[in-house]
Amino acid sequence: MTRNKTHALLLAAALVLTGALLASFAPEASARSTPAPAPQSQKVIKTHFVVMHTLYQSLQVRSLVDIYELHTFTYSPQIRDQMQRIFNAGGYQYGDKVTVWYRSGTDVALKIKGKPSNRK
């Protein structure tokens, strides 16, 4: 064999060996033994935000306390129709202040309160 073929075979063997070693150290896939906590047990958080961008399905906001903290909230089924009416009337604009109620650890807005500006 020529030197190039020998190097190619050694490289291929090293890659196969590395793949086998990595696969042996990979964690096993297993089913979750404890169920996830029910959303009703999570604490509801009320926070004040400034609107960055509004879409008909979501609202992107920035915290009043930390300007680097951004959230994108989707609407819960209970407020979806209300938010669609607000969006059709012009919606929240950049800089509007809103209060959002949501469960900790989620990005689903349960209630949104604030006055949409009249700018279009």
PDB file of N, CA and C in Angstrom:
ATOM      1  N   MET A   1       0.825  -1.185   0.000  1.00  0.00           N
ATOM      2  CA  MET A   1       0.000   0.000   0.000  1.00  0.00           C
ATOM      3  C   MET A   1       0.872   1.252   0.000  1.00  0.00           C
ATOM      4  N   THR A   2       0.347   2.287  -0.581  1.00  0.00           N
ATOM      5  CA  THR A   2       1.090   3.537  -0.586  1.00  0.00           C
ATOM      6  C   THR A   2       0.866   4.266   0.728  1.00  0.00           C
ATOM      7  N   ARG A   3       1.671   5.253   0.952  1.00  0.00           N
ATOM      8  CA  ARG A   3       1.603   5.982   2.217  1.00  0.00           C
ATOM      9  C   ARG A   3       0.264   6.710   2.376  1.00  0.00           C
ATOM     10  N   ASN A   4      -0.286   7.293   1.312  1.00  0.00           N
ATOM     11  CA  ASN A   4      -1.551   8.021   1.395  1.00  0.00           C
ATOM     12  C   ASN A   4      -2.695   7.091   1.765  1.00  0.00           C
ATOM     13  N   LYS A   5      -2.713   5.872   1.196  1.00  0.00           N
ATOM     14  CA  LYS A   5      -3.771   4.930   1.533  1.00  0.00           C
ATOM     15  C   LYS A   5      -3.646   4.485   2.984  1.00  0.00           C
ATOM     16  N   THR A   6      -2.423   4.318   3.459  1.00  0.00           N
ATOM     17  CA  THR A   6      -2.202   3.914   4.841  1.00  0.00           C
ATOM     18  C   THR A   6      -2.692   4.986   5.803  1.00  0.00           C
ATOM     19  N   HIS A   7      -2.375   6.234   5.502  1.00  0.00           N
ATOM     20  CA  HIS A   7      -2.827   7.346   6.346  1.00  0.00           C
ATOM     21  C   HIS A   7      -4.354   7.463   6.327  1.00  0.00           C
ATOM     22  N   ALA A   8      -4.958   7.247   5.163  1.00  0.00           N
ATOM     23  CA  ALA A   8      -6.410   7.321   5.060  1.00  0.00           C
ATOM     24  C   ALA A   8      -7.074   6.216   5.873  1.00  0.00           C
ATOM     25  N   LEU A   9      -6.526   5.008   5.822  1.00  0.00           N
ATOM     26  CA  LEU A   9      -7.076   3.896   6.607  1.00  0.00           C
ATOM     27  C   LEU A   9      -6.906   4.131   8.100  1.00  0.00           C
ATOM     28  N   LEU A  10      -5.761   4.664   8.509  1.00  0.00           N
ATOM     29  CA  LEU A  10      -5.545   4.968   9.924  1.00  0.00           C
ATOM     30  C   LEU A  10      -6.499   6.057  10.405  1.00  0.00           C
ATOM     31  N   LEU A  11      -6.730   7.066   9.585  1.00  0.00           N
ATOM     32  CA  LEU A  11      -7.663   8.133   9.923  1.00  0.00           C
ATOM     33  C   LEU A  11      -9.080   7.591  10.049  1.00  0.00           C
ATOM     34  N   ALA A  12      -9.480   6.737   9.111  1.00  0.00           N
ATOM     35  CA  ALA A  12     -10.820   6.145   9.163  1.00  0.00           C
ATOM     36  C   ALA A  12     -10.984   5.281  10.407  1.00  0.00           C
ATOM     37  N   ALA A  13      -9.957   4.504  10.736  1.00  0.00           N
ATOM     38  CA  ALA A  13     -10.012   3.661  11.929  1.00  0.00           C
ATOM     39  C   ALA A  13     -10.100   4.512  13.192  1.00  0.00           C
ATOM     40  N   ALA A  14      -9.364   5.608  13.227  1.00  0.00           N
ATOM     41  CA  ALA A  14      -9.407   6.499  14.388  1.00  0.00           C
ATOM     42  C   ALA A  14     -10.786   7.126  14.542  1.00  0.00           C
ATOM     43  N   LEU A  15     -11.414   7.519  13.442  1.00  0.00           N
ATOM     44  CA  LEU A  15     -12.750   8.096  13.494  1.00  0.00           C
ATOM     45  C   LEU A  15     -13.782   7.085  13.976  1.00  0.00           C
ATOM     46  N   VAL A  16     -13.685   5.854  13.508  1.00  0.00           N
ATOM     47  CA  VAL A  16     -14.611   4.798  13.941  1.00  0.00           C
ATOM     48  C   VAL A  16     -14.433   4.534  15.428  1.00  0.00           C
ATOM     49  N   LEU A  17     -13.189   4.444  15.882  1.00  0.00           N
ATOM     50  CA  LEU A  17     -12.916   4.202  17.289  1.00  0.00           C
ATOM     51  C   LEU A  17     -13.432   5.353  18.155  1.00  0.00           C
ATOM     52  N   THR A  18     -13.229   6.586  17.713  1.00  0.00           N
ATOM     53  CA  THR A  18     -13.714   7.749  18.441  1.00  0.00           C
ATOM     54  C   THR A  18     -15.240   7.741  18.518  1.00  0.00           C
ATOM     55  N   GLY A  19     -15.896   7.426  17.423  1.00  0.00           N
ATOM     56  CA  GLY A  19     -17.359   7.357  17.419  1.00  0.00           C
ATOM     57  C   GLY A  19     -17.880   6.288  18.356  1.00  0.00           C
ATOM     58  N   ALA A  20     -17.210   5.143  18.392  1.00  0.00           N
ATOM     59  CA  ALA A  20     -17.631   4.056  19.291  1.00  0.00           C
ATOM     60  C   ALA A  20     -17.452   4.462  20.743  1.00  0.00           C
ATOM     61  N   LEU A  21     -16.352   5.140  21.057  1.00  0.00           N
ATOM     62  CA  LEU A  21     -16.130   5.585  22.431  1.00  0.00           C
ATOM     63  C   LEU A  21     -17.146   6.635  22.856  1.00  0.00           C
ATOM     64  N   LEU A  22     -17.441   7.582  21.984  1.00  0.00           N
ATOM     65  CA  LEU A  22     -18.427   8.612  22.314  1.00  0.00           C
ATOM     66  C   LEU A  22     -19.812   8.012  22.499  1.00  0.00           C
ATOM     67  N   ALA A  23     -20.160   7.035  21.689  1.00  0.00           N
ATOM     68  CA  ALA A  23     -21.474   6.399  21.822  1.00  0.00           C
ATOM     69  C   ALA A  23     -21.585   5.628  23.123  1.00  0.00           C
ATOM     70  N   SER A  24     -20.493   5.064  23.598  1.00  0.00           N
ATOM     71  CA  SER A  24     -20.552   4.296  24.845  1.00  0.00           C
ATOM     72  C   SER A  24     -20.711   5.203  26.058  1.00  0.00           C
ATOM     73  N   PHE A  25     -20.245   6.452  25.968  1.00  0.00           N
ATOM     74  CA  PHE A  25     -20.368   7.388  27.076  1.00  0.00           C
ATOM     75  C   PHE A  25     -21.662   8.199  27.035  1.00  0.00           C
ATOM     76  N   ALA A  26     -22.434   8.097  25.995  1.00  0.00           N
ATOM     77  CA  ALA A  26     -23.673   8.861  25.866  1.00  0.00           C
ATOM     78  C   ALA A  26     -24.693   8.371  26.895  1.00  0.00           C
ATOM     79  N   PRO A  27     -25.466   9.281  27.483  1.00  0.00           N
ATOM     80  CA  PRO A  27     -26.476   8.854  28.455  1.00  0.00           C
ATOM     81  C   PRO A  27     -27.596   8.077  27.764  1.00  0.00           C
ATOM     82  N   GLU A  28     -28.163   7.132  28.500  1.00  0.00           N
ATOM     83  CA  GLU A  28     -29.238   6.333  27.945  1.00  0.00           C
ATOM     84  C   GLU A  28     -30.523   7.143  27.939  1.00  0.00           C
ATOM     85  N   ALA A  29     -31.328   6.933  26.924  1.00  0.00           N
ATOM     86  CA  ALA A  29     -32.631   7.590  26.853  1.00  0.00           C
ATOM     87  C   ALA A  29     -33.589   6.819  27.747  1.00  0.00           C
ATOM     88  N   SER A  30     -34.261   7.535  28.626  1.00  0.00           N
ATOM     89  CA  SER A  30     -35.212   6.874  29.508  1.00  0.00           C
ATOM     90  C   SER A  30     -36.447   7.743  29.661  1.00  0.00           C
ATOM     91  N   ALA A  31     -37.532   7.106  29.989  1.00  0.00           N
ATOM     92  CA  ALA A  31     -38.782   7.832  30.194  1.00  0.00           C
ATOM     93  C   ALA A  31     -38.709   8.578  31.521  1.00  0.00           C
ATOM     94  N   ARG A  32     -39.391   9.691  31.576  1.00  0.00           N
ATOM     95  CA  ARG A  32     -39.425  10.492  32.787  1.00  0.00           C
ATOM     96  C   ARG A  32     -40.258   9.771  33.839  1.00  0.00           C
ATOM     97  N   SER A  33     -39.685   9.544  35.010  1.00  0.00           N
ATOM     98  CA  SER A  33     -40.398   8.786  36.039  1.00  0.00           C
ATOM     99  C   SER A  33     -41.357   9.658  36.836  1.00  0.00           C
ATOM    100  N   THR A  34     -41.070  10.954  36.953  1.00  0.00           N
ATOM    101  CA  THR A  34     -41.973  11.842  37.678  1.00  0.00           C
ATOM    102  C   THR A  34     -42.650  12.764  36.676  1.00  0.00           C
ATOM    103  N   PRO A  35     -43.938  12.962  36.808  1.00  0.00           N
ATOM    104  CA  PRO A  35     -44.634  13.839  35.864  1.00  0.00           C
ATOM    105  C   PRO A  35     -44.234  15.298  36.068  1.00  0.00           C
ATOM    106  N   ALA A  36     -44.351  16.064  35.005  1.00  0.00           N
ATOM    107  CA  ALA A  36     -44.052  17.492  35.080  1.00  0.00           C
ATOM    108  C   ALA A  36     -45.095  18.169  35.961  1.00  0.00           C
ATOM    109  N   PRO A  37     -44.720  19.241  36.660  1.00  0.00           N
ATOM    110  CA  PRO A  37     -45.695  19.909  37.518  1.00  0.00           C
ATOM    111  C   PRO A  37     -46.822  20.519  36.692  1.00  0.00           C
ATOM    112  N   ALA A  38     -47.999  20.460  37.234  1.00  0.00           N
ATOM    113  CA  ALA A  38     -49.162  21.010  36.544  1.00  0.00           C
ATOM    114  C   ALA A  38     -49.029  22.524  36.472  1.00  0.00           C
ATOM    115  N   PRO A  39     -49.444  23.135  35.356  1.00  0.00           N
ATOM    116  CA  PRO A  39     -49.313  24.581  35.225  1.00  0.00           C
ATOM    117  C   PRO A  39     -50.061  25.353  36.316  1.00  0.00           C
ATOM    118  N   GLN A  40     -51.123  24.771  36.883  1.00  0.00           N
ATOM    119  CA  GLN A  40     -51.899  25.465  37.905  1.00  0.00           C
ATOM    120  C   GLN A  40     -51.092  25.639  39.191  1.00  0.00           C
ATOM    121  N   SER A  41     -50.097  24.797  39.436  1.00  0.00           N
ATOM    122  CA  SER A  41     -49.330  24.874  40.677  1.00  0.00           C
ATOM    123  C   SER A  41     -48.230  25.933  40.604  1.00  0.00           C
ATOM    124  N   GLN A  42     -47.954  26.465  39.432  1.00  0.00           N
ATOM    125  CA  GLN A  42     -46.910  27.477  39.297  1.00  0.00           C
ATOM    126  C   GLN A  42     -47.447  28.841  39.718  1.00  0.00           C
ATOM    127  N   LYS A  43     -46.569  29.644  40.256  1.00  0.00           N
ATOM    128  CA  LYS A  43     -46.925  30.964  40.749  1.00  0.00           C
ATOM    129  C   LYS A  43     -47.174  31.924  39.581  1.00  0.00           C
ATOM    130  N   VAL A  44     -48.245  32.717  39.679  1.00  0.00           N
ATOM    131  CA  VAL A  44     -48.542  33.725  38.669  1.00  0.00           C
ATOM    132  C   VAL A  44     -47.769  34.993  39.011  1.00  0.00           C
ATOM    133  N   ILE A  45     -47.050  35.513  38.020  1.00  0.00           N
ATOM    134  CA  ILE A  45     -46.207  36.691  38.203  1.00  0.00           C
ATOM    135  C   ILE A  45     -46.834  37.866  37.463  1.00  0.00           C
ATOM    136  N   LYS A  46     -46.865  39.023  38.118  1.00  0.00           N
ATOM    137  CA  LYS A  46     -47.348  40.261  37.496  1.00  0.00           C
ATOM    138  C   LYS A  46     -46.135  41.176  37.344  1.00  0.00           C
ATOM    139  N   THR A  47     -45.831  41.572  36.102  1.00  0.00           N
ATOM    140  CA  THR A  47     -44.647  42.385  35.839  1.00  0.00           C
ATOM    141  C   THR A  47     -44.987  43.491  34.850  1.00  0.00           C
ATOM    142  N   HIS A  48     -44.319  44.615  35.013  1.00  0.00           N
ATOM    143  CA  HIS A  48     -44.500  45.770  34.123  1.00  0.00           C
ATOM    144  C   HIS A  48     -43.427  45.735  33.041  1.00  0.00           C
ATOM    145  N   PHE A  49     -43.845  45.999  31.806  1.00  0.00           N
ATOM    146  CA  PHE A  49     -42.947  45.946  30.661  1.00  0.00           C
ATOM    147  C   PHE A  49     -43.176  47.135  29.739  1.00  0.00           C
ATOM    148  N   VAL A  50     -42.235  47.335  28.807  1.00  0.00           N
ATOM    149  CA  VAL A  50     -42.365  48.288  27.709  1.00  0.00           C
ATOM    150  C   VAL A  50     -42.449  47.472  26.426  1.00  0.00           C
ATOM    151  N   VAL A  51     -43.406  47.798  25.579  1.00  0.00           N
ATOM    152  CA  VAL A  51     -43.624  47.044  24.341  1.00  0.00           C
ATOM    153  C   VAL A  51     -42.506  47.347  23.353  1.00  0.00           C
ATOM    154  N   MET A  52     -41.960  46.286  22.775  1.00  0.00           N
ATOM    155  CA  MET A  52     -40.963  46.425  21.723  1.00  0.00           C
ATOM    156  C   MET A  52     -41.593  46.175  20.358  1.00  0.00           C
ATOM    157  N   HIS A  53     -42.400  45.094  20.260  1.00  0.00           N
ATOM    158  CA  HIS A  53     -42.989  44.702  18.982  1.00  0.00           C
ATOM    159  C   HIS A  53     -44.256  43.905  19.248  1.00  0.00           C
ATOM    160  N   THR A  54     -45.268  44.117  18.432  1.00  0.00           N
ATOM    161  CA  THR A  54     -46.527  43.397  18.586  1.00  0.00           C
ATOM    162  C   THR A  54     -46.848  42.632  17.314  1.00  0.00           C
ATOM    163  N   LEU A  55     -47.216  41.381  17.475  1.00  0.00           N
ATOM    164  CA  LEU A  55     -47.715  40.552  16.388  1.00  0.00           C
ATOM    165  C   LEU A  55     -49.090  40.044  16.772  1.00  0.00           C
ATOM    166  N   TYR A  56     -49.831  39.518  15.826  1.00  0.00           N
ATOM    167  CA  TYR A  56     -51.173  39.038  16.154  1.00  0.00           C
ATOM    168  C   TYR A  56     -51.133  37.782  17.011  1.00  0.00           C
ATOM    169  N   GLN A  57     -49.989  37.091  17.079  1.00  0.00           N
ATOM    170  CA  GLN A  57     -49.870  35.887  17.901  1.00  0.00           C
ATOM    171  C   GLN A  57     -49.016  36.082  19.143  1.00  0.00           C
ATOM    172  N   SER A  58     -48.243  37.161  19.211  1.00  0.00           N
ATOM    173  CA  SER A  58     -47.327  37.326  20.338  1.00  0.00           C
ATOM    174  C   SER A  58     -47.017  38.800  20.583  1.00  0.00           C
ATOM    175  N   LEU A  59     -46.402  39.031  21.728  1.00  0.00           N
ATOM    176  CA  LEU A  59     -46.040  40.376  22.157  1.00  0.00           C
ATOM    177  C   LEU A  59     -44.609  40.335  22.671  1.00  0.00           C
ATOM    178  N   GLN A  60     -43.726  41.141  22.095  1.00  0.00           N
ATOM    179  CA  GLN A  60     -42.335  41.196  22.539  1.00  0.00           C
ATOM    180  C   GLN A  60     -42.182  42.438  23.408  1.00  0.00           C
ATOM    181  N   VAL A  61     -41.665  42.223  24.631  1.00  0.00           N
ATOM    182  CA  VAL A  61     -41.562  43.315  25.597  1.00  0.00           C
ATOM    183  C   VAL A  61     -40.176  43.330  26.228  1.00  0.00           C
ATOM    184  N   ARG A  62     -39.870  44.485  26.839  1.00  0.00           N
ATOM    185  CA  ARG A  62     -38.609  44.687  27.553  1.00  0.00           C
ATOM    186  C   ARG A  62     -38.957  45.084  28.979  1.00  0.00           C
ATOM    187  N   SER A  63     -38.189  44.599  29.936  1.00  0.00           N
ATOM    188  CA  SER A  63     -38.431  44.888  31.344  1.00  0.00           C
ATOM    189  C   SER A  63     -38.138  46.358  31.631  1.00  0.00           C
ATOM    190  N   LEU A  64     -38.899  46.939  32.559  1.00  0.00           N
ATOM    191  CA  LEU A  64     -38.629  48.307  32.985  1.00  0.00           C
ATOM    192  C   LEU A  64     -37.407  48.374  33.895  1.00  0.00           C
ATOM    193  N   VAL A  65     -37.120  47.288  34.597  1.00  0.00           N
ATOM    194  CA  VAL A  65     -36.019  47.254  35.551  1.00  0.00           C
ATOM    195  C   VAL A  65     -34.690  46.968  34.860  1.00  0.00           C
ATOM    196  N   ASP A  66     -34.665  45.959  33.989  1.00  0.00           N
ATOM    197  CA  ASP A  66     -33.437  45.530  33.318  1.00  0.00           C
ATOM    198  C   ASP A  66     -33.646  45.660  31.808  1.00  0.00           C
ATOM    199  N   ILE A  67     -32.964  46.611  31.178  1.00  0.00           N
ATOM    200  CA  ILE A  67     -33.200  46.870  29.757  1.00  0.00           C
ATOM    201  C   ILE A  67     -32.743  45.729  28.861  1.00  0.00           C
ATOM    202  N   TYR A  68     -31.924  44.822  29.391  1.00  0.00           N
ATOM    203  CA  TYR A  68     -31.450  43.693  28.596  1.00  0.00           C
ATOM    204  C   TYR A  68     -32.352  42.477  28.707  1.00  0.00           C
ATOM    205  N   GLU A  69     -33.388  42.554  29.532  1.00  0.00           N
ATOM    206  CA  GLU A  69     -34.307  41.436  29.737  1.00  0.00           C
ATOM    207  C   GLU A  69     -35.467  41.555  28.746  1.00  0.00           C
ATOM    208  N   LEU A  70     -35.476  40.681  27.756  1.00  0.00           N
ATOM    209  CA  LEU A  70     -36.532  40.666  26.743  1.00  0.00           C
ATOM    210  C   LEU A  70     -37.380  39.417  26.919  1.00  0.00           C
ATOM    211  N   HIS A  71     -38.686  39.558  26.665  1.00  0.00           N
ATOM    212  CA  HIS A  71     -39.608  38.426  26.713  1.00  0.00           C
ATOM    213  C   HIS A  71     -40.483  38.478  25.472  1.00  0.00           C
ATOM    214  N   THR A  72     -40.823  37.320  24.960  1.00  0.00           N
ATOM    215  CA  THR A  72     -41.808  37.211  23.896  1.00  0.00           C
ATOM    216  C   THR A  72     -42.924  36.328  24.422  1.00  0.00           C
ATOM    217  N   PHE A  73     -44.074  36.936  24.663  1.00  0.00           N
ATOM    218  CA  PHE A  73     -45.215  36.226  25.221  1.00  0.00           C
ATOM    219  C   PHE A  73     -46.199  35.859  24.117  1.00  0.00           C
ATOM    220  N   THR A  74     -46.653  34.618  24.150  1.00  0.00           N
ATOM    221  CA  THR A  74     -47.793  34.233  23.324  1.00  0.00           C
ATOM    222  C   THR A  74     -49.035  34.420  24.176  1.00  0.00           C
ATOM    223  N   TYR A  75     -50.184  34.450  23.532  1.00  0.00           N
ATOM    224  CA  TYR A  75     -51.424  34.727  24.244  1.00  0.00           C
ATOM    225  C   TYR A  75     -52.098  33.435  24.661  1.00  0.00           C
ATOM    226  N   SER A  76     -52.634  33.419  25.867  1.00  0.00           N
ATOM    227  CA  SER A  76     -53.414  32.266  26.308  1.00  0.00           C
ATOM    228  C   SER A  76     -54.742  32.276  25.563  1.00  0.00           C
ATOM    229  N   PRO A  77     -55.419  31.138  25.470  1.00  0.00           N
ATOM    230  CA  PRO A  77     -56.703  31.099  24.761  1.00  0.00           C
ATOM    231  C   PRO A  77     -57.744  32.057  25.347  1.00  0.00           C
ATOM    232  N   GLN A  78     -57.649  32.365  26.639  1.00  0.00           N
ATOM    233  CA  GLN A  78     -58.624  33.257  27.262  1.00  0.00           C
ATOM    234  C   GLN A  78     -58.501  34.700  26.772  1.00  0.00           C
ATOM    235  N   ILE A  79     -57.318  35.139  26.395  1.00  0.00           N
ATOM    236  CA  ILE A  79     -57.145  36.539  25.983  1.00  0.00           C
ATOM    237  C   ILE A  79     -56.882  36.683  24.493  1.00  0.00           C
ATOM    238  N   ARG A  80     -56.871  35.601  23.750  1.00  0.00           N
ATOM    239  CA  ARG A  80     -56.528  35.663  22.330  1.00  0.00           C
ATOM    240  C   ARG A  80     -57.488  36.560  21.540  1.00  0.00           C
ATOM    241  N   ASP A  81     -58.791  36.432  21.787  1.00  0.00           N
ATOM    242  CA  ASP A  81     -59.764  37.256  21.064  1.00  0.00           C
ATOM    243  C   ASP A  81     -59.615  38.730  21.419  1.00  0.00           C
ATOM    244  N   GLN A  82     -59.405  39.018  22.697  1.00  0.00           N
ATOM    245  CA  GLN A  82     -59.206  40.394  23.136  1.00  0.00           C
ATOM    246  C   GLN A  82     -57.977  41.003  22.467  1.00  0.00           C
ATOM    247  N   MET A  83     -56.879  40.251  22.421  1.00  0.00           N
ATOM    248  CA  MET A  83     -55.655  40.759  21.814  1.00  0.00           C
ATOM    249  C   MET A  83     -55.805  40.920  20.302  1.00  0.00           C
ATOM    250  N   GLN A  84     -56.601  40.062  19.666  1.00  0.00           N
ATOM    251  CA  GLN A  84     -56.861  40.205  18.234  1.00  0.00           C
ATOM    252  C   GLN A  84     -57.622  41.501  17.962  1.00  0.00           C
ATOM    253  N   ARG A  85     -58.600  41.834  18.824  1.00  0.00           N
ATOM    254  CA  ARG A  85     -59.345  43.096  18.659  1.00  0.00           C
ATOM    255  C   ARG A  85     -58.420  44.295  18.844  1.00  0.00           C
ATOM    256  N   ILE A  86     -57.540  44.239  19.845  1.00  0.00           N
ATOM    257  CA  ILE A  86     -56.590  45.335  20.072  1.00  0.00           C
ATOM    258  C   ILE A  86     -55.647  45.459  18.884  1.00  0.00           C
ATOM    259  N   PHE A  87     -55.168  44.337  18.360  1.00  0.00           N
ATOM    260  CA  PHE A  87     -54.257  44.349  17.214  1.00  0.00           C
ATOM    261  C   PHE A  87     -54.936  44.937  15.982  1.00  0.00           C
ATOM    262  N   ASN A  88     -56.203  44.578  15.747  1.00  0.00           N
ATOM    263  CA  ASN A  88     -56.935  45.099  14.597  1.00  0.00           C
ATOM    264  C   ASN A  88     -57.197  46.593  14.718  1.00  0.00           C
ATOM    265  N   ALA A  89     -57.287  47.110  15.946  1.00  0.00           N
ATOM    266  CA  ALA A  89     -57.532  48.530  16.160  1.00  0.00           C
ATOM    267  C   ALA A  89     -56.239  49.350  16.141  1.00  0.00           C
ATOM    268  N   GLY A  90     -55.121  48.745  15.886  1.00  0.00           N
ATOM    269  CA  GLY A  90     -53.852  49.460  15.846  1.00  0.00           C
ATOM    270  C   GLY A  90     -52.817  48.848  16.755  1.00  0.00           C
ATOM    271  N   GLY A  91     -53.271  48.178  17.784  1.00  0.00           N
ATOM    272  CA  GLY A  91     -52.376  47.430  18.660  1.00  0.00           C
ATOM    273  C   GLY A  91     -51.476  48.280  19.519  1.00  0.00           C
ATOM    274  N   TYR A  92     -50.673  47.589  20.313  1.00  0.00           N
ATOM    275  CA  TYR A  92     -49.665  48.259  21.123  1.00  0.00           C
ATOM    276  C   TYR A  92     -48.508  48.660  20.222  1.00  0.00           C
ATOM    277  N   GLN A  93     -47.964  49.843  20.464  1.00  0.00           N
ATOM    278  CA  GLN A  93     -46.858  50.357  19.676  1.00  0.00           C
ATOM    279  C   GLN A  93     -45.585  50.369  20.521  1.00  0.00           C
ATOM    280  N   TYR A  94     -44.457  50.561  19.875  1.00  0.00           N
ATOM    281  CA  TYR A  94     -43.162  50.627  20.553  1.00  0.00           C
ATOM    282  C   TYR A  94     -43.217  51.706  21.636  1.00  0.00           C
ATOM    283  N   GLY A  95     -42.854  51.344  22.850  1.00  0.00           N
ATOM    284  CA  GLY A  95     -42.811  52.300  23.950  1.00  0.00           C
ATOM    285  C   GLY A  95     -44.037  52.292  24.844  1.00  0.00           C
ATOM    286  N   ASP A  96     -45.120  51.631  24.442  1.00  0.00           N
ATOM    287  CA  ASP A  96     -46.304  51.545  25.297  1.00  0.00           C
ATOM    288  C   ASP A  96     -45.971  50.728  26.532  1.00  0.00           C
ATOM    289  N   LYS A  97     -46.529  51.126  27.679  1.00  0.00           N
ATOM    290  CA  LYS A  97     -46.285  50.394  28.921  1.00  0.00           C
ATOM    291  C   LYS A  97     -47.456  49.452  29.177  1.00  0.00           C
ATOM    292  N   VAL A  98     -47.124  48.196  29.468  1.00  0.00           N
ATOM    293  CA  VAL A  98     -48.141  47.180  29.721  1.00  0.00           C
ATOM    294  C   VAL A  98     -47.773  46.403  30.992  1.00  0.00           C
ATOM    295  N   THR A  99     -48.789  45.789  31.578  1.00  0.00           N
ATOM    296  CA  THR A  99     -48.604  44.879  32.698  1.00  0.00           C
ATOM    297  C   THR A  99     -49.013  43.504  32.218  1.00  0.00           C
ATOM    298  N   VAL A 100     -48.149  42.507  32.453  1.00  0.00           N
ATOM    299  CA  VAL A 100     -48.404  41.150  31.965  1.00  0.00           C
ATOM    300  C   VAL A 100     -48.430  40.199  33.154  1.00  0.00           C
ATOM    301  N   TRP A 101     -49.462  39.367  33.208  1.00  0.00           N
ATOM    302  CA  TRP A 101     -49.554  38.288  34.182  1.00  0.00           C
ATOM    303  C   TRP A 101     -49.205  36.999  33.456  1.00  0.00           C
ATOM    304  N   TYR A 102     -48.258  36.230  34.014  1.00  0.00           N
ATOM    305  CA  TYR A 102     -47.853  34.961  33.416  1.00  0.00           C
ATOM    306  C   TYR A 102     -47.367  34.025  34.509  1.00  0.00           C
ATOM    307  N   ARG A 103     -47.361  32.739  34.215  1.00  0.00           N
ATOM    308  CA  ARG A 103     -46.887  31.751  35.187  1.00  0.00           C
ATOM    309  C   ARG A 103     -45.374  31.653  35.097  1.00  0.00           C
ATOM    310  N   SER A 104     -44.730  31.464  36.251  1.00  0.00           N
ATOM    311  CA  SER A 104     -43.271  31.382  36.281  1.00  0.00           C
ATOM    312  C   SER A 104     -42.800  30.201  35.445  1.00  0.00           C
ATOM    313  N   GLY A 105     -41.777  30.432  34.667  1.00  0.00           N
ATOM    314  CA  GLY A 105     -41.211  29.387  33.825  1.00  0.00           C
ATOM    315  C   GLY A 105     -41.889  29.228  32.481  1.00  0.00           C
ATOM    316  N   THR A 106     -42.894  30.040  32.185  1.00  0.00           N
ATOM    317  CA  THR A 106     -43.582  29.949  30.899  1.00  0.00           C
ATOM    318  C   THR A 106     -43.524  31.292  30.191  1.00  0.00           C
ATOM    319  N   ASP A 107     -43.872  31.278  28.919  1.00  0.00           N
ATOM    320  CA  ASP A 107     -43.960  32.508  28.128  1.00  0.00           C
ATOM    321  C   ASP A 107     -45.357  32.679  27.558  1.00  0.00           C
ATOM    322  N   VAL A 108     -46.359  32.311  28.336  1.00  0.00           N
ATOM    323  CA  VAL A 108     -47.754  32.451  27.913  1.00  0.00           C
ATOM    324  C   VAL A 108     -48.400  33.507  28.795  1.00  0.00           C
ATOM    325  N   ALA A 109     -48.843  34.598  28.183  1.00  0.00           N
ATOM    326  CA  ALA A 109     -49.478  35.682  28.921  1.00  0.00           C
ATOM    327  C   ALA A 109     -50.906  35.287  29.275  1.00  0.00           C
ATOM    328  N   LEU A 110     -51.228  35.349  30.567  1.00  0.00           N
ATOM    329  CA  LEU A 110     -52.572  35.030  31.027  1.00  0.00           C
ATOM    330  C   LEU A 110     -53.481  36.255  30.973  1.00  0.00           C
ATOM    331  N   LYS A 111     -52.885  37.427  31.193  1.00  0.00           N
ATOM    332  CA  LYS A 111     -53.641  38.681  31.164  1.00  0.00           C
ATOM    333  C   LYS A 111     -52.674  39.789  30.788  1.00  0.00           C
ATOM    334  N   ILE A 112     -53.124  40.714  29.958  1.00  0.00           N
ATOM    335  CA  ILE A 112     -52.306  41.859  29.562  1.00  0.00           C
ATOM    336  C   ILE A 112     -53.153  43.090  29.765  1.00  0.00           C
ATOM    337  N   LYS A 113     -52.600  44.067  30.478  1.00  0.00           N
ATOM    338  CA  LYS A 113     -53.320  45.299  30.743  1.00  0.00           C
ATOM    339  C   LYS A 113     -52.424  46.479  30.385  1.00  0.00           C
ATOM    340  N   GLY A 114     -52.974  47.407  29.671  1.00  0.00           N
ATOM    341  CA  GLY A 114     -52.237  48.587  29.270  1.00  0.00           C
ATOM    342  C   GLY A 114     -53.032  49.345  28.232  1.00  0.00           C
ATOM    343  N   LYS A 115     -52.716  50.613  28.070  1.00  0.00           N
ATOM    344  CA  LYS A 115     -53.456  51.430  27.118  1.00  0.00           C
ATOM    345  C   LYS A 115     -52.673  51.499  25.802  1.00  0.00           C
ATOM    346  N   PRO A 116     -53.258  50.985  24.713  1.00  0.00           N
ATOM    347  CA  PRO A 116     -52.572  51.091  23.422  1.00  0.00           C
ATOM    348  C   PRO A 116     -52.553  52.549  22.965  1.00  0.00           C
ATOM    349  N   SER A 117     -51.449  52.966  22.389  1.00  0.00           N
ATOM    350  CA  SER A 117     -51.373  54.341  21.879  1.00  0.00           C
ATOM    351  C   SER A 117     -52.170  54.445  20.584  1.00  0.00           C
ATOM    352  N   ASN A 118     -52.450  55.660  20.191  1.00  0.00           N
ATOM    353  CA  ASN A 118     -53.255  55.904  18.984  1.00  0.00           C
ATOM    354  C   ASN A 118     -52.408  56.042  17.740  1.00  0.00           C
ATOM    355  N   ARG A 119     -51.093  55.866  17.866  1.00  0.00           N
ATOM    356  CA  ARG A 119     -50.212  55.977  16.689  1.00  0.00           C
ATOM    357  C   ARG A 119     -50.445  54.801  15.747  1.00  0.00           C
ATOM    358  N   LYS A 120     -50.296  55.054  14.465  1.00  0.00           N
ATOM    359  CA  LYS A 120     -50.375  53.978  13.472  1.00  0.00           C
ATOM    360  C   LYS A 120     -49.213  54.062  12.541  1.00  0.00           C
TER     361      LYS A 120
END
